[in-house]
Amino acid sequence: MADYIYTMEIRLTPDQSKGVNLVQEVARAAGITLYLTGGAIRDIISGFTIRDLDFTVQGNPLKLQKDFERAGAQLAGHDEEVRTLFLVLPGNVRAEIGMARTEHYEKVGKPPVIAPASIQEDLRRRDFTVNAMALSLNEGSRGLLLDPFNGVADIEAKLLRILHNYSFVEDPSRLIRATRFAARFHWPMEERTQQRYNAAKENNYIEHISRSAVGHEIGQLAHEDDPLNVVRILEKENWLKVLHPHWSSAKVDTSGLGQLMKTRQQMVDLGYTVDPSPAVMHFLTARLSDKDICDLRRQIPRKDLTEAWRDLEDRAKELAKRLTGKEAATPSRTWNLLSAARPEMVLFLAVTARHQTVAQKIKNFLTKWRLVQRRIPLPEMTELLITPQLPEYPKIARDVFMLLLDGRLRSRTETLKFLKPFAPPPPPPPPPPRRGRGPKAVVATAPVTGIPAKKGEVPKGKGKSTAAVAPPVAPVAASVPTPPTKAKPKVSLKPEPRAKPVPAKAKKKPARNTAKRPAKHPAKRKKSPHKKAKGKKR
């Protein structure tokens, strides 16, 4: 289930994805079961351009009209008979929301009897297997693909197959639709389908086609990627006369239509979202009379298409007039004017403009002036810290582009001189490392013993050595790490007890000798007075 949801999300445009979410929210709030059906599923799986979104609900979608309008959608028309809403979702996304229904044909040429039904019954009344699929958008079954007639296999085989033998008899508009699909996708009809197609054509079942079906097929031509090819194939099968008796490929402005599609692709490559359908209808009916064009417009069910088609020329003339006035006196003003205009008007005027100045300005807007943007010194702006993170960056970049466009900045030096005042100040230097308040303990190592001296002691080695100096101690094992080996036992990392160091200034008192001192020299020895007297007496 998740695979089809993933495929849908990567195949839809961002605006189409938002449109799907909008419809889901409205349907969920109303408690209505919602499915993505028909051509949208076919195009998602086949890889072709997704032109519009088809939804089916199990209920009456006409009751949701105000809810969709409050959500931001615009009503483009409705069909009371089949209970279908035609909407334009935000981002100019076309959508159609229909009721799940059954169609029972009591007699050939008579309109069907319509009744509400489940989604499975709705899929059975459709035209071809590639269109009889539905993708659930409901909680609990989101991503579940309903394919009762194996439409995915026919898409892989690139075949058009009807659901039953009476498909063309019940709805003759399917003859035109089969031809249009074959011309668009370049898919042949399956053998049985081709036989039923030929039989319906020989029996002239097309004369029972309804007026609403004709209007639907006329409107579909406006959204074809190659409308001229489709029109020629329809004319070859004699279906173009069914859409309008005076319509033929000779009434089509082929050169203008070809230039329109080429310019449209150019604008798409530049990132514009363009709806060429009004301009396509203009060129497809360029040589028809005004009366015939009005007849075609009245049959199209989507009123947004007919209104845009009707007002196309008047709006294009208004834009051309503004391009020749003071509002577009400089390249920068012309750029601003065309950027604010609708892309459809720029597209149509690029093909139909007869005024040389107007045509040249539009051409520069689409080609020459785009190259000026490359002259903006982005690396130097980054060095000046003028980056997109700045709130003023869009305005600065736009001002530079406008000045370059008008030729007021002619060199890179002038551009950098203009940009330097906008450079933000450099960030402050990092603070210096914080030092401790107390004095650091200085550890000195005695050169002889290798024992670190305590605070206030002077290392040994420079003064006189005494007998009481402690013998040298081997360095602690932890000071020189030795990798352990399996053969040797582990060495203890506990340090051995150290001998107490002797202060440098303090002198060791000699040991007290209890032995008798040697007598002094006889010559230097003093005589005792008692002994002198004793000697005289003798």
Protein backbone atom coordinates (compact mmCIF):
# COMPACT_ATOMS: atom_id res chain seq x y z
CA MET A 1 0.00 0.00 0.00
CA ALA A 2 2.78 2.38 0.89
CA ASP A 3 4.42 1.98 -2.53
CA TYR A 4 1.55 3.69 -4.36
CA ILE A 5 1.42 6.52 -1.85
CA TYR A 6 5.16 7.03 -2.30
CA THR A 7 4.75 6.99 -6.09
CA MET A 8 1.94 9.51 -5.87
CA GLU A 9 3.96 11.86 -3.66
CA ILE A 10 7.02 11.87 -5.91
CA ARG A 11 5.00 12.19 -9.14
CA LEU A 12 2.72 15.04 -8.10
CA THR A 13 3.92 18.62 -8.31
CA PRO A 14 4.15 20.57 -5.02
CA ASP A 15 0.92 22.43 -5.86
CA GLN A 16 -0.86 19.18 -6.71
CA SER A 17 0.29 17.61 -3.43
CA LYS A 18 -1.14 20.57 -1.53
CA GLY A 19 -4.37 20.18 -3.49
CA VAL A 20 -4.66 16.52 -2.52
CA ASN A 21 -4.12 17.42 1.13
CA LEU A 22 -6.78 20.14 0.93
CA VAL A 23 -9.38 17.77 -0.51
CA GLN A 24 -8.50 15.13 2.10
CA GLU A 25 -9.02 17.59 4.95
CA VAL A 26 -12.41 18.74 3.65
CA ALA A 27 -13.61 15.16 3.07
CA ARG A 28 -12.35 14.01 6.48
CA ALA A 29 -14.11 16.89 8.24
CA ALA A 30 -17.36 15.99 6.44
CA GLY A 31 -16.96 12.28 7.20
CA ILE A 32 -17.00 11.30 3.49
CA THR A 33 -15.01 8.44 1.97
CA LEU A 34 -12.53 9.78 -0.63
CA TYR A 35 -10.61 8.14 -3.51
CA LEU A 36 -8.21 9.38 -6.14
CA THR A 37 -9.47 7.85 -9.38
CA GLY A 38 -9.41 7.78 -13.16
CA GLY A 39 -6.79 9.54 -15.22
CA ALA A 40 -4.78 10.73 -12.22
CA ILE A 41 -4.00 7.14 -11.16
CA ARG A 42 -3.28 6.16 -14.77
CA ASP A 43 -0.79 9.01 -15.24
CA ILE A 44 0.88 8.42 -11.86
CA ILE A 45 1.58 4.77 -12.70
CA SER A 46 2.41 5.26 -16.40
CA GLY A 47 4.74 8.24 -15.87
CA PHE A 48 2.87 10.64 -18.15
CA THR A 49 2.19 14.26 -17.20
CA ILE A 50 -0.50 14.54 -14.52
CA ARG A 51 -2.75 17.17 -16.03
CA ASP A 52 -5.54 17.25 -13.43
CA LEU A 53 -6.80 15.48 -10.33
CA ASP A 54 -9.92 13.28 -10.37
CA PHE A 55 -11.55 12.44 -7.04
CA THR A 56 -14.55 10.23 -6.26
CA VAL A 57 -16.51 10.38 -3.01
CA GLN A 58 -19.16 8.07 -1.66
CA GLY A 59 -21.74 10.80 -1.14
CA ASN A 60 -22.91 14.05 -2.70
CA PRO A 61 -19.94 16.37 -3.39
CA LEU A 62 -22.23 19.31 -4.20
CA LYS A 63 -22.85 19.69 -0.47
CA LEU A 64 -19.13 20.39 0.03
CA GLN A 65 -19.00 23.40 -2.30
CA LYS A 66 -18.90 26.02 0.47
CA ASP A 67 -16.36 23.99 2.44
CA PHE A 68 -14.00 23.92 -0.53
CA GLU A 69 -14.42 27.64 -1.13
CA ARG A 70 -13.60 28.39 2.51
CA ALA A 71 -10.49 26.20 2.17
CA GLY A 72 -9.23 28.34 -0.74
CA ALA A 73 -10.56 26.50 -3.81
CA GLN A 74 -12.44 28.26 -6.60
CA LEU A 75 -15.56 26.86 -8.21
CA ALA A 76 -15.09 26.42 -11.98
CA GLY A 77 -18.47 24.78 -12.66
CA HIS A 78 -20.70 21.90 -11.64
CA ASP A 79 -22.90 19.22 -13.17
CA GLU A 80 -26.16 18.67 -11.36
CA GLU A 81 -27.03 15.57 -13.37
CA VAL A 82 -24.00 13.49 -12.36
CA ARG A 83 -23.31 15.52 -9.20
CA THR A 84 -19.80 16.64 -10.05
CA LEU A 85 -17.83 19.70 -8.93
CA PHE A 86 -15.17 21.34 -11.11
CA LEU A 87 -12.63 23.17 -8.95
CA VAL A 88 -9.46 25.20 -9.30
CA LEU A 89 -7.31 24.46 -6.27
CA PRO A 90 -4.57 26.84 -5.00
CA GLY A 91 -1.63 26.90 -7.37
CA ASN A 92 -3.89 26.75 -10.46
CA VAL A 93 -4.50 23.00 -10.06
CA ARG A 94 -7.55 21.68 -11.89
CA ALA A 95 -9.63 19.13 -9.99
CA GLU A 96 -12.87 17.25 -10.50
CA ILE A 97 -14.82 15.71 -7.62
CA GLY A 98 -17.59 13.32 -8.60
CA MET A 99 -20.06 11.09 -6.85
CA ALA A 100 -19.57 7.33 -6.91
CA ARG A 101 -22.47 6.19 -9.08
CA THR A 102 -23.92 3.57 -11.35
CA GLU A 103 -25.17 4.28 -14.89
CA HIS A 104 -27.90 2.08 -16.31
CA TYR A 105 -28.69 2.52 -20.03
CA GLU A 106 -32.24 1.48 -20.83
CA LYS A 107 -31.99 2.32 -24.54
CA VAL A 108 -29.30 3.34 -27.01
CA GLY A 109 -29.18 7.08 -27.37
CA LYS A 110 -31.00 7.74 -24.13
CA PRO A 111 -29.27 9.29 -21.11
CA PRO A 112 -28.43 6.80 -18.36
CA VAL A 113 -30.27 6.36 -15.12
CA ILE A 114 -27.88 7.51 -12.40
CA ALA A 115 -27.90 6.30 -8.82
CA PRO A 116 -25.41 6.60 -5.91
CA ALA A 117 -23.20 3.55 -5.45
CA SER A 118 -20.06 2.22 -3.82
CA ILE A 119 -16.59 2.77 -5.22
CA GLN A 120 -16.45 -0.81 -6.57
CA GLU A 121 -19.68 -0.28 -8.56
CA ASP A 122 -18.39 3.08 -9.77
CA LEU A 123 -15.28 1.46 -11.23
CA ARG A 124 -17.40 -1.05 -13.17
CA ARG A 125 -19.23 1.67 -15.12
CA ARG A 126 -16.02 3.31 -16.46
CA ASP A 127 -14.65 3.25 -20.00
CA PHE A 128 -11.23 1.53 -20.09
CA THR A 129 -9.31 -0.68 -17.71
CA VAL A 130 -6.51 1.89 -17.34
CA ASN A 131 -9.10 4.35 -16.00
CA ALA A 132 -10.94 1.87 -13.71
CA MET A 133 -8.60 2.19 -10.74
CA ALA A 134 -8.88 4.00 -7.41
CA LEU A 135 -6.43 4.86 -4.64
CA SER A 136 -7.83 5.16 -1.12
CA LEU A 137 -7.10 8.40 0.74
CA ASN A 138 -8.90 7.39 3.92
CA GLU A 139 -7.50 6.67 7.36
CA GLY A 140 -6.94 2.97 7.90
CA SER A 141 -6.77 2.14 4.17
CA ARG A 142 -4.68 5.00 2.80
CA GLY A 143 -2.63 3.75 -0.12
CA LEU A 144 -4.85 0.77 -0.94
CA LEU A 145 -5.13 0.42 -4.74
CA LEU A 146 -8.42 -0.90 -6.13
CA ASP A 147 -7.81 -2.48 -9.55
CA PRO A 148 -10.65 -4.95 -10.26
CA PHE A 149 -9.97 -5.10 -14.04
CA ASN A 150 -6.15 -5.37 -13.93
CA GLY A 151 -5.52 -1.91 -15.35
CA VAL A 152 -1.92 -1.88 -14.11
CA ALA A 153 -1.12 -4.82 -16.41
CA ASP A 154 -2.62 -2.99 -19.41
CA ILE A 155 -0.55 0.09 -18.57
CA GLU A 156 2.58 -2.05 -18.56
CA ALA A 157 1.49 -3.65 -21.84
CA LYS A 158 0.52 -0.20 -23.25
CA LEU A 159 -2.92 -1.33 -24.39
CA LEU A 160 -6.38 0.25 -24.40
CA ARG A 161 -9.06 -2.24 -23.34
CA ILE A 162 -12.79 -1.66 -22.77
CA LEU A 163 -14.48 -3.22 -19.75
CA HIS A 164 -17.31 -4.97 -21.62
CA ASN A 165 -18.62 -5.50 -25.14
CA TYR A 166 -21.31 -2.79 -24.95
CA SER A 167 -19.00 -0.01 -23.82
CA PHE A 168 -19.13 1.97 -27.11
CA VAL A 169 -22.86 1.36 -27.47
CA GLU A 170 -23.74 2.73 -24.04
CA ASP A 171 -21.53 5.82 -24.32
CA PRO A 172 -20.51 6.73 -27.92
CA SER A 173 -18.19 9.48 -26.63
CA ARG A 174 -15.79 6.66 -25.76
CA LEU A 175 -15.06 6.35 -29.48
CA ILE A 176 -13.59 9.87 -29.44
CA ARG A 177 -11.85 9.20 -26.14
CA ALA A 178 -10.21 6.01 -27.42
CA THR A 179 -8.87 7.88 -30.45
CA ARG A 180 -7.60 10.72 -28.27
CA PHE A 181 -5.83 8.34 -25.87
CA ALA A 182 -4.26 6.41 -28.74
CA ALA A 183 -2.94 9.68 -30.20
CA ARG A 184 -1.62 10.95 -26.86
CA PHE A 185 -0.03 7.80 -25.47
CA HIS A 186 0.70 6.08 -28.79
CA TRP A 187 -0.99 2.94 -27.41
CA PRO A 188 -2.89 0.60 -29.72
CA MET A 189 -6.29 -0.82 -28.89
CA GLU A 190 -6.53 -4.38 -27.71
CA GLU A 191 -7.80 -6.74 -30.44
CA ARG A 192 -11.33 -7.19 -29.09
CA THR A 193 -11.57 -3.46 -28.34
CA GLN A 194 -10.52 -2.63 -31.89
CA GLN A 195 -13.24 -4.92 -33.27
CA ARG A 196 -15.92 -3.29 -31.11
CA TYR A 197 -14.60 0.13 -32.11
CA ASN A 198 -14.89 -0.65 -35.81
CA ALA A 199 -18.39 -2.10 -35.39
CA ALA A 200 -19.61 0.97 -33.48
CA LYS A 201 -18.13 3.24 -36.12
CA GLU A 202 -19.80 1.34 -38.97
CA ASN A 203 -23.17 1.38 -37.20
CA ASN A 204 -22.82 5.14 -36.66
CA TYR A 205 -23.38 4.97 -32.92
CA ILE A 206 -21.65 8.35 -32.62
CA GLU A 207 -24.88 10.11 -33.58
CA HIS A 208 -26.25 9.26 -30.11
CA ILE A 209 -23.53 11.20 -28.29
CA SER A 210 -24.81 13.66 -25.67
CA ARG A 211 -24.14 17.38 -25.78
CA SER A 212 -22.41 17.35 -22.39
CA ALA A 213 -20.02 14.62 -23.60
CA VAL A 214 -19.17 16.72 -26.66
CA GLY A 215 -18.36 19.71 -24.44
CA HIS A 216 -16.14 17.55 -22.25
CA GLU A 217 -14.14 16.31 -25.27
CA ILE A 218 -13.74 19.88 -26.61
CA GLY A 219 -12.33 21.02 -23.28
CA GLN A 220 -9.90 18.10 -23.12
CA LEU A 221 -8.22 19.20 -26.35
CA ALA A 222 -7.01 22.37 -24.61
CA HIS A 223 -4.85 20.36 -22.21
CA GLU A 224 -3.11 18.02 -24.65
CA ASP A 225 0.67 18.17 -24.85
CA ASP A 226 0.50 17.92 -28.66
CA PRO A 227 -2.96 19.25 -29.54
CA LEU A 228 -2.25 19.59 -33.25
CA ASN A 229 -1.45 15.88 -33.60
CA VAL A 230 -4.61 14.92 -31.69
CA VAL A 231 -6.77 17.20 -33.86
CA ARG A 232 -5.38 15.69 -37.05
CA ILE A 233 -6.04 12.12 -35.89
CA LEU A 234 -9.57 13.05 -34.78
CA GLU A 235 -10.13 14.56 -38.21
CA LYS A 236 -8.83 11.40 -39.84
CA GLU A 237 -11.42 9.34 -37.89
CA ASN A 238 -14.16 11.89 -38.70
CA TRP A 239 -14.64 12.73 -35.04
CA LEU A 240 -13.66 16.41 -35.35
CA LYS A 241 -16.86 17.08 -37.28
CA VAL A 242 -18.77 15.56 -34.39
CA LEU A 243 -17.32 18.15 -32.01
CA HIS A 244 -18.28 20.94 -34.44
CA PRO A 245 -19.40 20.63 -38.07
CA HIS A 246 -17.23 23.53 -39.26
CA TRP A 247 -14.08 22.48 -37.45
CA SER A 248 -11.09 21.06 -39.34
CA SER A 249 -7.31 21.16 -39.20
CA ALA A 250 -7.40 23.89 -41.86
CA LYS A 251 -9.04 26.19 -39.28
CA VAL A 252 -6.06 25.78 -36.96
CA ASP A 253 -3.19 28.30 -36.83
CA THR A 254 -0.50 25.62 -36.96
CA SER A 255 2.52 27.96 -36.94
CA GLY A 256 1.20 29.97 -34.00
CA LEU A 257 0.31 26.79 -32.10
CA GLY A 258 3.78 25.34 -32.66
CA GLN A 259 5.43 28.56 -31.47
CA LEU A 260 3.14 28.62 -28.45
CA MET A 261 4.13 25.13 -27.31
CA LYS A 262 7.80 25.90 -27.86
CA THR A 263 7.63 29.11 -25.79
CA ARG A 264 5.63 27.34 -23.13
CA GLN A 265 8.36 24.72 -22.73
CA GLN A 266 10.94 27.52 -22.51
CA MET A 267 9.00 29.15 -19.65
CA VAL A 268 8.60 25.82 -17.87
CA ASP A 269 12.37 25.33 -18.03
CA LEU A 270 12.76 28.76 -16.40
CA GLY A 271 10.57 27.63 -13.50
CA TYR A 272 7.19 29.11 -14.47
CA THR A 273 3.92 27.25 -13.99
CA VAL A 274 1.95 28.09 -17.11
CA ASP A 275 -1.56 27.00 -18.12
CA PRO A 276 -1.58 27.27 -21.93
CA SER A 277 -5.13 25.93 -22.38
CA PRO A 278 -6.81 29.30 -23.22
CA ALA A 279 -4.10 30.11 -25.76
CA VAL A 280 -4.31 26.58 -27.21
CA MET A 281 -8.04 27.01 -27.82
CA HIS A 282 -7.35 30.38 -29.42
CA PHE A 283 -5.01 28.86 -32.01
CA LEU A 284 -7.10 25.71 -32.53
CA THR A 285 -10.08 27.89 -33.52
CA ALA A 286 -8.16 30.80 -35.05
CA ARG A 287 -9.95 30.60 -38.44
CA LEU A 288 -13.44 29.76 -37.21
CA SER A 289 -16.14 32.41 -37.23
CA ASP A 290 -17.12 34.23 -34.06
CA LYS A 291 -20.44 32.41 -34.02
CA ASP A 292 -18.78 29.00 -34.20
CA ILE A 293 -16.38 29.95 -31.42
CA CYS A 294 -19.29 31.01 -29.20
CA ASP A 295 -20.98 27.66 -29.85
CA LEU A 296 -17.84 25.83 -28.76
CA ARG A 297 -17.52 27.92 -25.59
CA ARG A 298 -21.10 27.25 -24.54
CA GLN A 299 -20.58 23.48 -24.65
CA ILE A 300 -17.48 23.39 -22.43
CA PRO A 301 -18.51 22.51 -18.84
CA ARG A 302 -15.58 24.27 -17.15
CA LYS A 303 -16.44 27.96 -17.09
CA ASP A 304 -12.98 29.00 -15.95
CA LEU A 305 -11.59 27.82 -19.30
CA THR A 306 -14.24 29.61 -21.35
CA GLU A 307 -13.79 32.89 -19.45
CA ALA A 308 -10.00 32.82 -19.76
CA TRP A 309 -10.32 32.01 -23.46
CA ARG A 310 -12.79 34.86 -24.02
CA ASP A 311 -10.72 37.50 -22.16
CA LEU A 312 -7.35 36.39 -23.49
CA GLU A 313 -6.95 38.90 -26.32
CA ASP A 314 -8.22 41.89 -24.33
CA ARG A 315 -5.83 41.25 -21.45
CA ALA A 316 -2.93 40.74 -23.83
CA LYS A 317 -3.62 44.11 -25.50
CA GLU A 318 -3.69 45.81 -22.11
CA LEU A 319 -0.31 44.35 -21.17
CA ALA A 320 1.17 45.36 -24.54
CA LYS A 321 0.01 48.93 -23.97
CA ARG A 322 1.72 49.05 -20.60
CA LEU A 323 4.95 47.72 -22.12
CA THR A 324 5.08 50.67 -24.52
CA GLY A 325 4.49 53.33 -21.83
CA LYS A 326 6.52 54.95 -19.05
CA GLU A 327 5.85 51.99 -16.79
CA ALA A 328 8.40 50.03 -18.86
CA ALA A 329 10.78 52.86 -19.76
CA THR A 330 13.88 51.06 -18.41
CA PRO A 331 14.92 47.42 -18.40
CA SER A 332 14.43 47.21 -14.63
CA ARG A 333 10.89 48.59 -14.86
CA THR A 334 10.08 46.21 -17.70
CA TRP A 335 11.39 43.31 -15.65
CA ASN A 336 9.21 44.25 -12.70
CA LEU A 337 6.15 44.64 -14.93
CA LEU A 338 6.53 41.27 -16.66
CA SER A 339 7.41 39.51 -13.40
CA ALA A 340 4.15 40.72 -11.86
CA ALA A 341 2.04 39.81 -14.93
CA ARG A 342 0.31 36.45 -15.28
CA PRO A 343 2.56 33.90 -17.04
CA GLU A 344 -0.31 33.02 -19.41
CA MET A 345 -0.38 36.63 -20.65
CA VAL A 346 3.38 36.72 -21.16
CA LEU A 347 3.19 33.42 -23.05
CA PHE A 348 0.40 34.54 -25.35
CA LEU A 349 1.92 37.98 -25.98
CA ALA A 350 5.32 36.44 -26.78
CA VAL A 351 3.69 34.64 -29.71
CA THR A 352 1.11 37.20 -30.91
CA ALA A 353 2.82 40.58 -30.28
CA ARG A 354 3.06 42.61 -33.48
CA HIS A 355 4.70 45.67 -31.98
CA GLN A 356 8.45 45.28 -32.37
CA THR A 357 9.25 46.96 -29.03
CA VAL A 358 6.86 44.71 -27.13
CA ALA A 359 8.18 41.57 -28.79
CA GLN A 360 11.80 42.55 -28.10
CA LYS A 361 11.16 43.32 -24.43
CA ILE A 362 9.48 39.97 -23.87
CA LYS A 363 12.31 38.22 -25.70
CA ASN A 364 14.90 39.98 -23.51
CA PHE A 365 12.88 39.07 -20.43
CA LEU A 366 13.00 35.37 -21.31
CA THR A 367 16.61 35.22 -22.60
CA LYS A 368 19.09 38.12 -22.46
CA TRP A 369 18.25 39.61 -19.09
CA ARG A 370 18.46 36.22 -17.41
CA LEU A 371 22.19 36.19 -18.10
CA VAL A 372 22.70 39.43 -16.17
CA GLN A 373 21.99 37.55 -12.95
CA ARG A 374 25.26 35.66 -13.44
CA ARG A 375 27.17 38.92 -13.02
CA ILE A 376 26.17 39.25 -9.39
CA PRO A 377 29.43 38.59 -7.45
CA LEU A 378 28.16 35.91 -5.10
CA PRO A 379 31.62 34.72 -3.86
CA GLU A 380 32.64 38.29 -2.99
CA MET A 381 29.30 38.84 -1.26
CA THR A 382 29.99 35.79 0.87
CA GLU A 383 33.43 37.16 1.80
CA LEU A 384 31.71 40.38 2.86
CA LEU A 385 29.33 38.29 5.00
CA ILE A 386 26.37 39.32 2.80
CA THR A 387 24.66 35.94 2.84
CA PRO A 388 21.05 34.74 2.65
CA GLN A 389 21.01 34.62 6.46
CA LEU A 390 20.81 38.41 6.51
CA PRO A 391 17.25 39.80 6.60
CA GLU A 392 18.25 42.47 4.06
CA TYR A 393 19.81 39.98 1.62
CA PRO A 394 16.84 39.70 -0.84
CA LYS A 395 16.61 43.48 -1.17
CA ILE A 396 20.38 43.89 -1.59
CA ALA A 397 20.57 41.18 -4.27
CA ARG A 398 17.56 42.64 -6.09
CA ASP A 399 19.02 46.17 -6.01
CA VAL A 400 22.30 44.92 -7.43
CA PHE A 401 20.45 43.07 -10.21
CA MET A 402 18.35 46.12 -11.09
CA LEU A 403 21.46 48.36 -11.26
CA LEU A 404 23.26 45.82 -13.43
CA LEU A 405 20.20 45.55 -15.66
CA ASP A 406 20.07 49.30 -16.21
CA GLY A 407 23.85 49.54 -16.75
CA ARG A 408 24.47 51.67 -13.67
CA LEU A 409 27.00 49.15 -12.40
CA ARG A 410 29.34 48.35 -15.26
CA SER A 411 32.20 46.46 -13.64
CA ARG A 412 32.91 44.16 -10.75
CA THR A 413 34.83 46.91 -8.98
CA GLU A 414 31.83 49.22 -9.04
CA THR A 415 29.61 46.40 -7.83
CA LEU A 416 31.87 45.63 -4.87
CA LYS A 417 32.09 49.33 -4.01
CA PHE A 418 28.29 49.42 -3.91
CA LEU A 419 28.11 46.31 -1.71
CA LYS A 420 30.74 47.20 0.92
CA PRO A 421 28.50 49.59 2.94
CA PHE A 422 26.00 46.75 3.37
CA ALA A 423 28.57 44.36 4.85
CA PRO A 424 27.81 43.63 8.52
CA PRO A 425 30.58 44.30 11.10
CA PRO A 426 32.92 41.40 11.78
CA PRO A 427 32.16 39.31 14.85
CA PRO A 428 34.02 40.27 18.08
CA PRO A 429 37.18 38.33 18.92
CA PRO A 430 36.82 35.44 21.35
CA PRO A 431 37.48 36.28 25.03
CA PRO A 432 40.96 35.43 26.43
CA PRO A 433 41.29 32.22 28.42
CA ARG A 434 40.38 32.66 32.08
CA ARG A 435 43.24 32.18 34.54
CA GLY A 436 43.01 30.87 38.11
CA ARG A 437 43.36 33.27 41.06
CA GLY A 438 45.92 31.25 43.09
CA PRO A 439 49.59 30.82 42.06
CA LYS A 440 50.37 27.71 40.16
CA ALA A 441 52.47 25.05 41.94
CA VAL A 442 55.86 24.72 40.33
CA VAL A 443 57.14 21.17 40.35
CA ALA A 444 60.91 20.80 40.05
CA THR A 445 62.80 17.55 39.69
CA ALA A 446 66.06 16.94 41.52
CA PRO A 447 68.79 16.23 38.97
CA VAL A 448 70.45 13.54 41.07
CA THR A 449 67.69 11.72 42.83
CA GLY A 450 64.93 12.32 40.29
CA ILE A 451 62.57 13.18 43.18
CA PRO A 452 60.30 16.21 42.60
CA ALA A 453 61.04 18.96 45.07
CA LYS A 454 58.33 20.38 47.27
CA LYS A 455 57.25 23.97 47.25
CA GLY A 456 59.94 26.21 48.69
CA GLU A 457 62.77 23.72 48.23
CA VAL A 458 65.82 24.16 46.01
CA PRO A 459 66.86 21.17 43.94
CA LYS A 460 69.99 19.39 45.00
CA GLY A 461 73.14 19.23 42.94
CA LYS A 462 74.55 22.75 43.10
CA GLY A 463 75.45 22.87 46.83
CA LYS A 464 77.74 20.63 48.82
CA SER A 465 76.53 17.12 49.38
CA THR A 466 76.46 15.62 52.88
CA ALA A 467 76.53 12.11 54.18
CA ALA A 468 72.90 12.24 55.25
CA VAL A 469 71.54 12.78 51.72
CA ALA A 470 69.06 10.06 50.80
CA PRO A 471 70.15 7.60 48.17
CA PRO A 472 68.66 7.94 44.69
CA VAL A 473 65.25 6.42 44.27
CA ALA A 474 64.15 4.67 41.11
CA PRO A 475 61.50 6.58 39.12
CA VAL A 476 57.90 5.67 39.76
CA ALA A 477 56.53 3.01 37.44
CA ALA A 478 53.50 5.13 36.59
CA SER A 479 55.66 7.89 35.08
CA VAL A 480 56.89 5.63 32.24
CA PRO A 481 54.04 3.34 31.13
CA THR A 482 55.21 -0.08 30.04
CA PRO A 483 52.91 -2.23 27.91
CA PRO A 484 52.01 -5.40 29.81
CA THR A 485 53.18 -8.72 28.44
CA LYS A 486 51.97 -12.21 29.13
CA ALA A 487 55.41 -13.56 30.14
CA LYS A 488 56.07 -10.94 32.86
CA PRO A 489 53.86 -10.36 35.87
CA LYS A 490 51.95 -7.15 36.15
CA VAL A 491 53.88 -4.23 37.56
CA SER A 492 52.18 -2.43 40.39
CA LEU A 493 51.38 1.19 39.65
CA LYS A 494 51.50 2.13 43.35
CA PRO A 495 54.45 4.50 43.92
CA GLU A 496 57.14 3.55 46.40
CA PRO A 497 57.61 5.69 49.55
CA ARG A 498 59.91 8.60 48.98
CA ALA A 499 62.80 9.68 51.20
CA LYS A 500 62.44 13.04 52.89
CA PRO A 501 64.54 15.68 51.10
CA VAL A 502 67.12 17.70 53.08
CA PRO A 503 66.81 21.50 52.99
CA ALA A 504 69.64 23.18 51.13
CA LYS A 505 70.46 25.83 53.80
CA ALA A 506 70.18 23.64 56.89
CA LYS A 507 73.45 21.90 57.87
CA LYS A 508 73.51 18.53 59.51
CA LYS A 509 74.96 18.64 63.04
CA PRO A 510 77.84 16.21 63.44
CA ALA A 511 77.27 13.25 65.63
CA ARG A 512 78.41 13.74 69.24
CA ASN A 513 81.61 11.79 69.97
CA THR A 514 81.81 10.40 73.51
CA ALA A 515 85.43 9.22 73.12
CA LYS A 516 88.29 11.07 74.91
CA ARG A 517 89.72 13.89 73.01
CA PRO A 518 93.39 13.53 72.10
CA ALA A 519 95.82 15.57 74.22
CA LYS A 520 97.18 18.76 72.89
CA HIS A 521 100.81 19.25 72.00
CA PRO A 522 103.01 19.37 75.13
CA ALA A 523 104.55 22.64 74.20
CA LYS A 524 101.27 24.35 73.95
CA ARG A 525 99.80 22.79 77.07
CA LYS A 526 99.33 25.19 80.01
CA LYS A 527 100.56 24.20 83.37
CA SER A 528 98.27 24.08 86.30
CA PRO A 529 99.24 26.27 89.24
CA HIS A 530 98.78 23.41 91.67
CA LYS A 531 101.16 21.23 89.78
CA LYS A 532 103.80 23.99 89.71
CA ALA A 533 103.71 24.29 93.38
CA LYS A 534 104.01 20.60 93.86
CA GLY A 535 107.02 20.48 91.69
CA LYS A 536 108.86 23.21 93.69
CA LYS A 537 108.26 21.37 96.81
CA ARG A 538 110.11 18.46 95.54
